[in-house]
Amino acid sequence: MISGALTELRPWRRLSVEELAALAEVPSRRVWQELEEGILPGRAKGRTRHSFGPRDVFYLRLVRHLERALTLNQSARRELHEAISRVHDDRKSHPSSWRKTDTGWEFTSVQASFDARQPFAESVKKVRLFIHGKRRIESRPDILGGEPVFKGTRIAVRHVGDLLLKGVPRAEVREDFPRLDDEDLTFAALFAQLPRPPGRPRKSLVSRREGA
């Protein structure tokens, strides 16, 4: 429920542009557009790169949801992002085109209400998956040259994700890697959509079943 947003969408900012785009399921260029328009927050103080949080995931998913029914200009989107931030910071509201309801948001400019429970639930699910998945992986120079793997294994996260993105059935991937559960596979598919960090090119990995 939207009423639980205060605890679910905590105000940390750790996501990169690419991670935010993947979690919100929008192109990276959409994130850059929102940055250029001054809607999404820029670099946090003392940071060298842009960083975002769960609220920004919710905002982008909500906008994507709303744009199925209406066109939102830059001003309307800026007011929506500010309204979401005020609600989750428990700040007093000020005149805005957006008003929070029990199940979503009302856009007073067109006198229309929108149910935001689905994009909210999707945002929470994606963020939880990402946080849990990041805790499940590690990168060590002595294992596959530093390629991110699931902890306690030599299973490359990106390799598993690439298999799923190429259409290999989940059941087949689970058979090949029985130590991974469904959540691991879902995270791997998400992780494989992210660009590799800058650095030396990594060698191609050879696909092997566990125990092979």
C-alpha atoms as a PDB file:
ATOM      1  CA  MET A   1       0.000   0.000   0.000  1.00  0.00           C
ATOM      2  CA  ILE A   2       1.047   3.574  -0.619  1.00  0.00           C
ATOM      3  CA  SER A   3       0.636   4.328   3.069  1.00  0.00           C
ATOM      4  CA  GLY A   4       3.688   2.140   3.701  1.00  0.00           C
ATOM      5  CA  ALA A   5       5.880   4.121   1.351  1.00  0.00           C
ATOM      6  CA  LEU A   6       7.664   6.013   4.107  1.00  0.00           C
ATOM      7  CA  THR A   7       9.354   2.856   5.377  1.00  0.00           C
ATOM      8  CA  GLU A   8       9.678   1.094   2.011  1.00  0.00           C
ATOM      9  CA  LEU A   9      11.229   3.960   0.016  1.00  0.00           C
ATOM     10  CA  ARG A  10      14.034   4.961   2.351  1.00  0.00           C
ATOM     11  CA  PRO A  11      15.998   8.101   1.463  1.00  0.00           C
ATOM     12  CA  TRP A  12      19.351   6.467   0.628  1.00  0.00           C
ATOM     13  CA  ARG A  13      20.948   7.291  -2.700  1.00  0.00           C
ATOM     14  CA  ARG A  14      23.289   4.604  -4.039  1.00  0.00           C
ATOM     15  CA  LEU A  15      22.017   3.737  -7.509  1.00  0.00           C
ATOM     16  CA  SER A  16      23.855   4.728 -10.670  1.00  0.00           C
ATOM     17  CA  VAL A  17      22.127   6.039 -13.782  1.00  0.00           C
ATOM     18  CA  GLU A  18      22.239   2.575 -15.341  1.00  0.00           C
ATOM     19  CA  GLU A  19      20.987   0.840 -12.187  1.00  0.00           C
ATOM     20  CA  LEU A  20      18.106   3.291 -11.837  1.00  0.00           C
ATOM     21  CA  ALA A  21      17.147   2.757 -15.470  1.00  0.00           C
ATOM     22  CA  ALA A  22      17.221  -1.032 -15.074  1.00  0.00           C
ATOM     23  CA  LEU A  23      15.112  -0.999 -11.892  1.00  0.00           C
ATOM     24  CA  ALA A  24      12.598   1.435 -13.351  1.00  0.00           C
ATOM     25  CA  GLU A  25      12.638  -0.418 -16.701  1.00  0.00           C
ATOM     26  CA  VAL A  26      13.249   2.722 -18.736  1.00  0.00           C
ATOM     27  CA  PRO A  27      16.065   3.573 -21.175  1.00  0.00           C
ATOM     28  CA  SER A  28      19.126   5.251 -19.642  1.00  0.00           C
ATOM     29  CA  ARG A  29      18.482   8.227 -21.910  1.00  0.00           C
ATOM     30  CA  ARG A  30      15.217   8.842 -20.019  1.00  0.00           C
ATOM     31  CA  VAL A  31      17.155   9.169 -16.761  1.00  0.00           C
ATOM     32  CA  TRP A  32      19.579  11.596 -18.404  1.00  0.00           C
ATOM     33  CA  GLN A  33      16.642  13.591 -19.759  1.00  0.00           C
ATOM     34  CA  GLU A  34      15.146  13.908 -16.271  1.00  0.00           C
ATOM     35  CA  LEU A  35      18.555  15.015 -14.974  1.00  0.00           C
ATOM     36  CA  GLU A  36      19.003  17.606 -17.696  1.00  0.00           C
ATOM     37  CA  GLU A  37      15.544  18.987 -16.972  1.00  0.00           C
ATOM     38  CA  GLY A  38      16.432  19.344 -13.299  1.00  0.00           C
ATOM     39  CA  ILE A  39      13.767  16.905 -12.110  1.00  0.00           C
ATOM     40  CA  LEU A  40      15.904  14.089 -10.733  1.00  0.00           C
ATOM     41  CA  PRO A  41      18.521  15.101  -8.128  1.00  0.00           C
ATOM     42  CA  GLY A  42      22.059  15.659  -9.366  1.00  0.00           C
ATOM     43  CA  ARG A  43      25.238  14.573  -7.646  1.00  0.00           C
ATOM     44  CA  ALA A  44      25.012  14.382  -3.873  1.00  0.00           C
ATOM     45  CA  LYS A  45      27.435  16.564  -1.948  1.00  0.00           C
ATOM     46  CA  GLY A  46      30.914  15.041  -1.879  1.00  0.00           C
ATOM     47  CA  ARG A  47      30.139  12.458  -4.595  1.00  0.00           C
ATOM     48  CA  THR A  48      31.776  12.271  -8.005  1.00  0.00           C
ATOM     49  CA  ARG A  49      28.852  10.589  -9.767  1.00  0.00           C
ATOM     50  CA  HIS A  50      25.098  10.837  -9.842  1.00  0.00           C
ATOM     51  CA  SER A  51      23.368   8.645  -7.279  1.00  0.00           C
ATOM     52  CA  PHE A  52      19.707   7.828  -6.865  1.00  0.00           C
ATOM     53  CA  GLY A  53      17.411   6.002  -4.460  1.00  0.00           C
ATOM     54  CA  PRO A  54      14.190   3.982  -4.263  1.00  0.00           C
ATOM     55  CA  ARG A  55      12.013   7.098  -4.521  1.00  0.00           C
ATOM     56  CA  ASP A  56      13.478   7.823  -7.930  1.00  0.00           C
ATOM     57  CA  VAL A  57      12.659   4.261  -9.009  1.00  0.00           C
ATOM     58  CA  PHE A  58       9.069   4.816  -7.863  1.00  0.00           C
ATOM     59  CA  TYR A  59       8.879   8.200  -9.578  1.00  0.00           C
ATOM     60  CA  LEU A  60      10.002   6.837 -12.960  1.00  0.00           C
ATOM     61  CA  ARG A  61       7.727   3.805 -12.726  1.00  0.00           C
ATOM     62  CA  LEU A  62       4.813   6.020 -11.751  1.00  0.00           C
ATOM     63  CA  VAL A  63       5.459   8.411 -14.645  1.00  0.00           C
ATOM     64  CA  ARG A  64       5.650   5.474 -17.052  1.00  0.00           C
ATOM     65  CA  HIS A  65       2.333   4.242 -15.622  1.00  0.00           C
ATOM     66  CA  LEU A  66       0.663   7.668 -15.870  1.00  0.00           C
ATOM     67  CA  GLU A  67       1.901   8.367 -19.388  1.00  0.00           C
ATOM     68  CA  ARG A  68      -0.279   5.541 -20.657  1.00  0.00           C
ATOM     69  CA  ALA A  69      -3.255   7.828 -20.009  1.00  0.00           C
ATOM     70  CA  LEU A  70      -1.945  11.388 -20.368  1.00  0.00           C
ATOM     71  CA  THR A  71       0.995  13.506 -21.422  1.00  0.00           C
ATOM     72  CA  LEU A  72       3.056  14.987 -18.590  1.00  0.00           C
ATOM     73  CA  ASN A  73       5.099  18.051 -19.387  1.00  0.00           C
ATOM     74  CA  GLN A  74       8.321  18.992 -17.624  1.00  0.00           C
ATOM     75  CA  SER A  75       6.565  21.162 -15.036  1.00  0.00           C
ATOM     76  CA  ALA A  76       4.057  18.442 -14.123  1.00  0.00           C
ATOM     77  CA  ARG A  77       6.790  15.830 -13.738  1.00  0.00           C
ATOM     78  CA  ARG A  78       8.913  18.149 -11.601  1.00  0.00           C
ATOM     79  CA  GLU A  79       5.959  18.829  -9.295  1.00  0.00           C
ATOM     80  CA  LEU A  80       5.246  15.101  -9.044  1.00  0.00           C
ATOM     81  CA  HIS A  81       8.828  14.278  -8.045  1.00  0.00           C
ATOM     82  CA  GLU A  82       8.767  17.051  -5.451  1.00  0.00           C
ATOM     83  CA  ALA A  83       5.405  15.849  -4.120  1.00  0.00           C
ATOM     84  CA  ILE A  84       6.708  12.286  -3.739  1.00  0.00           C
ATOM     85  CA  SER A  85       9.779  13.571  -1.884  1.00  0.00           C
ATOM     86  CA  ARG A  86       7.664  15.697   0.455  1.00  0.00           C
ATOM     87  CA  VAL A  87       5.367  12.796   1.306  1.00  0.00           C
ATOM     88  CA  HIS A  88       8.215  10.414   2.072  1.00  0.00           C
ATOM     89  CA  ASP A  89      10.127  13.044   4.042  1.00  0.00           C
ATOM     90  CA  ASP A  90       6.921  13.823   5.944  1.00  0.00           C
ATOM     91  CA  ARG A  91       7.266  17.490   4.996  1.00  0.00           C
ATOM     92  CA  LYS A  92       4.411  19.952   4.846  1.00  0.00           C
ATOM     93  CA  SER A  93       2.830  20.258   1.439  1.00  0.00           C
ATOM     94  CA  HIS A  94       2.673  23.441  -0.575  1.00  0.00           C
ATOM     95  CA  PRO A  95       0.532  24.385  -3.584  1.00  0.00           C
ATOM     96  CA  SER A  96       0.945  21.690  -6.227  1.00  0.00           C
ATOM     97  CA  SER A  97      -0.882  20.078  -9.117  1.00  0.00           C
ATOM     98  CA  TRP A  98      -0.491  16.729  -7.348  1.00  0.00           C
ATOM     99  CA  ARG A  99      -2.362  15.555  -4.282  1.00  0.00           C
ATOM    100  CA  LYS A 100      -1.728  12.243  -2.542  1.00  0.00           C
ATOM    101  CA  THR A 101      -4.730   9.961  -2.047  1.00  0.00           C
ATOM    102  CA  ASP A 102      -5.158   6.685  -0.166  1.00  0.00           C
ATOM    103  CA  THR A 103      -4.335   4.642  -3.262  1.00  0.00           C
ATOM    104  CA  GLY A 104      -2.238   6.945  -5.396  1.00  0.00           C
ATOM    105  CA  TRP A 105      -2.179  10.485  -6.732  1.00  0.00           C
ATOM    106  CA  GLU A 106      -4.677  13.018  -8.019  1.00  0.00           C
ATOM    107  CA  PHE A 107      -3.595  15.316 -10.833  1.00  0.00           C
ATOM    108  CA  THR A 108      -5.705  18.366 -10.069  1.00  0.00           C
ATOM    109  CA  SER A 109      -4.906  20.101 -13.365  1.00  0.00           C
ATOM    110  CA  VAL A 110      -7.083  17.599 -15.197  1.00  0.00           C
ATOM    111  CA  GLN A 111      -9.176  16.512 -12.188  1.00  0.00           C
ATOM    112  CA  ALA A 112      -8.117  12.879 -12.534  1.00  0.00           C
ATOM    113  CA  SER A 113      -7.027  10.349  -9.926  1.00  0.00           C
ATOM    114  CA  PHE A 114      -4.608   7.520 -10.595  1.00  0.00           C
ATOM    115  CA  ASP A 115      -4.059   4.292  -8.667  1.00  0.00           C
ATOM    116  CA  ALA A 116      -0.331   4.066  -7.895  1.00  0.00           C
ATOM    117  CA  ARG A 117      -0.352   0.801  -5.959  1.00  0.00           C
ATOM    118  CA  GLN A 118       0.959  -1.288  -8.858  1.00  0.00           C
ATOM    119  CA  PRO A 119       4.001   0.897  -9.714  1.00  0.00           C
ATOM    120  CA  PHE A 120       4.690   1.264  -5.990  1.00  0.00           C
ATOM    121  CA  ALA A 121       4.606  -2.505  -5.389  1.00  0.00           C
ATOM    122  CA  GLU A 122       6.802  -3.076  -8.458  1.00  0.00           C
ATOM    123  CA  SER A 123       9.304  -0.488  -7.196  1.00  0.00           C
ATOM    124  CA  VAL A 124       9.545  -2.086  -3.756  1.00  0.00           C
ATOM    125  CA  LYS A 125       9.943  -5.553  -5.287  1.00  0.00           C
ATOM    126  CA  LYS A 126      12.708  -4.436  -7.662  1.00  0.00           C
ATOM    127  CA  VAL A 127      14.617  -2.510  -5.001  1.00  0.00           C
ATOM    128  CA  ARG A 128      14.432  -5.409  -2.530  1.00  0.00           C
ATOM    129  CA  LEU A 129      15.619  -7.810  -5.239  1.00  0.00           C
ATOM    130  CA  PHE A 130      18.531  -5.528  -6.077  1.00  0.00           C
ATOM    131  CA  ILE A 131      19.605  -5.052  -2.444  1.00  0.00           C
ATOM    132  CA  HIS A 132      19.384  -8.791  -1.705  1.00  0.00           C
ATOM    133  CA  GLY A 133      21.180  -9.688  -4.929  1.00  0.00           C
ATOM    134  CA  LYS A 134      24.063  -7.281  -4.308  1.00  0.00           C
ATOM    135  CA  ARG A 135      24.595  -8.926  -0.923  1.00  0.00           C
ATOM    136  CA  ARG A 136      24.727 -12.339  -2.593  1.00  0.00           C
ATOM    137  CA  ILE A 137      27.630 -11.558  -4.926  1.00  0.00           C
ATOM    138  CA  GLU A 138      31.333 -10.838  -4.605  1.00  0.00           C
ATOM    139  CA  SER A 139      34.255  -9.948  -6.830  1.00  0.00           C
ATOM    140  CA  ARG A 140      37.724 -11.332  -6.044  1.00  0.00           C
ATOM    141  CA  PRO A 141      40.869 -11.238  -8.204  1.00  0.00           C
ATOM    142  CA  ASP A 142      41.502 -14.940  -7.547  1.00  0.00           C
ATOM    143  CA  ILE A 143      38.087 -16.000  -8.860  1.00  0.00           C
ATOM    144  CA  LEU A 144      37.487 -15.631 -12.600  1.00  0.00           C
ATOM    145  CA  GLY A 145      39.785 -12.619 -12.698  1.00  0.00           C
ATOM    146  CA  GLY A 146      37.462 -10.522 -10.547  1.00  0.00           C
ATOM    147  CA  GLU A 147      34.272 -11.237 -12.476  1.00  0.00           C
ATOM    148  CA  PRO A 148      31.287 -10.868 -10.059  1.00  0.00           C
ATOM    149  CA  VAL A 149      30.174 -14.307  -8.848  1.00  0.00           C
ATOM    150  CA  PHE A 150      27.643 -15.614  -6.384  1.00  0.00           C
ATOM    151  CA  LYS A 151      29.336 -15.879  -2.978  1.00  0.00           C
ATOM    152  CA  GLY A 152      30.850 -19.280  -2.232  1.00  0.00           C
ATOM    153  CA  THR A 153      30.770 -20.299  -5.907  1.00  0.00           C
ATOM    154  CA  ARG A 154      32.550 -19.746  -9.200  1.00  0.00           C
ATOM    155  CA  ILE A 155      29.257 -18.979 -10.931  1.00  0.00           C
ATOM    156  CA  ALA A 156      29.510 -15.709 -12.854  1.00  0.00           C
ATOM    157  CA  VAL A 157      26.410 -13.603 -12.259  1.00  0.00           C
ATOM    158  CA  ARG A 158      26.535 -11.949 -15.684  1.00  0.00           C
ATOM    159  CA  HIS A 159      26.931 -15.298 -17.465  1.00  0.00           C
ATOM    160  CA  VAL A 160      23.792 -16.672 -15.812  1.00  0.00           C
ATOM    161  CA  GLY A 161      21.913 -13.497 -16.637  1.00  0.00           C
ATOM    162  CA  ASP A 162      23.051 -13.579 -20.253  1.00  0.00           C
ATOM    163  CA  LEU A 163      21.735 -17.118 -20.622  1.00  0.00           C
ATOM    164  CA  LEU A 164      18.308 -16.021 -19.391  1.00  0.00           C
ATOM    165  CA  LEU A 165      18.262 -12.910 -21.582  1.00  0.00           C
ATOM    166  CA  LYS A 166      19.092 -15.100 -24.592  1.00  0.00           C
ATOM    167  CA  GLY A 167      15.976 -17.163 -23.898  1.00  0.00           C
ATOM    168  CA  VAL A 168      17.434 -20.236 -22.190  1.00  0.00           C
ATOM    169  CA  PRO A 169      14.567 -21.671 -20.080  1.00  0.00           C
ATOM    170  CA  ARG A 170      14.837 -20.975 -16.350  1.00  0.00           C
ATOM    171  CA  ALA A 171      14.356 -24.673 -15.601  1.00  0.00           C
ATOM    172  CA  GLU A 172      17.398 -25.495 -17.718  1.00  0.00           C
ATOM    173  CA  VAL A 173      19.508 -22.832 -16.022  1.00  0.00           C
ATOM    174  CA  ARG A 174      18.377 -24.079 -12.594  1.00  0.00           C
ATOM    175  CA  GLU A 175      19.387 -27.596 -13.624  1.00  0.00           C
ATOM    176  CA  ASP A 176      22.835 -26.357 -14.648  1.00  0.00           C
ATOM    177  CA  PHE A 177      23.274 -24.296 -11.467  1.00  0.00           C
ATOM    178  CA  PRO A 178      21.270 -26.040  -8.694  1.00  0.00           C
ATOM    179  CA  ARG A 179      22.739 -23.821  -5.945  1.00  0.00           C
ATOM    180  CA  LEU A 180      20.891 -20.817  -7.368  1.00  0.00           C
ATOM    181  CA  ASP A 181      17.264 -20.118  -6.479  1.00  0.00           C
ATOM    182  CA  ASP A 182      14.659 -18.241  -8.510  1.00  0.00           C
ATOM    183  CA  GLU A 183      15.525 -14.924  -6.881  1.00  0.00           C
ATOM    184  CA  ASP A 184      19.179 -15.420  -7.835  1.00  0.00           C
ATOM    185  CA  LEU A 185      18.162 -15.990 -11.443  1.00  0.00           C
ATOM    186  CA  THR A 186      15.947 -12.908 -11.516  1.00  0.00           C
ATOM    187  CA  PHE A 187      18.757 -10.798 -10.084  1.00  0.00           C
ATOM    188  CA  ALA A 188      21.246 -12.248 -12.572  1.00  0.00           C
ATOM    189  CA  ALA A 189      19.000 -11.243 -15.474  1.00  0.00           C
ATOM    190  CA  LEU A 190      18.783  -7.729 -14.056  1.00  0.00           C
ATOM    191  CA  PHE A 191      22.540  -7.565 -13.422  1.00  0.00           C
ATOM    192  CA  ALA A 192      23.321  -8.661 -16.981  1.00  0.00           C
ATOM    193  CA  GLN A 193      21.486  -5.603 -18.319  1.00  0.00           C
ATOM    194  CA  LEU A 194      23.935  -3.267 -16.567  1.00  0.00           C
ATOM    195  CA  PRO A 195      27.056  -2.122 -18.414  1.00  0.00           C
ATOM    196  CA  ARG A 196      30.364  -3.443 -17.216  1.00  0.00           C
ATOM    197  CA  PRO A 197      32.351  -0.984 -15.070  1.00  0.00           C
ATOM    198  CA  PRO A 198      35.252   0.700 -16.890  1.00  0.00           C
ATOM    199  CA  GLY A 199      38.520  -1.197 -16.806  1.00  0.00           C
ATOM    200  CA  ARG A 200      40.385  -3.914 -18.598  1.00  0.00           C
ATOM    201  CA  PRO A 201      38.278  -6.124 -20.919  1.00  0.00           C
ATOM    202  CA  ARG A 202      37.463  -9.436 -19.315  1.00  0.00           C
ATOM    203  CA  LYS A 203      38.077 -12.760 -20.986  1.00  0.00           C
ATOM    204  CA  SER A 204      35.078 -14.659 -22.284  1.00  0.00           C
ATOM    205  CA  LEU A 205      33.739 -17.154 -19.785  1.00  0.00           C
ATOM    206  CA  VAL A 206      33.306 -20.807 -20.633  1.00  0.00           C
ATOM    207  CA  SER A 207      29.893 -22.164 -19.702  1.00  0.00           C
ATOM    208  CA  ARG A 208      30.103 -25.184 -17.420  1.00  0.00           C
ATOM    209  CA  ARG A 209      27.532 -26.945 -15.344  1.00  0.00           C
ATOM    210  CA  GLU A 210      28.189 -27.075 -11.625  1.00  0.00           C
ATOM    211  CA  GLY A 211      30.346 -30.059 -10.816  1.00  0.00           C
ATOM    212  CA  ALA A 212      31.325 -30.544 -14.453  1.00  0.00           C
END
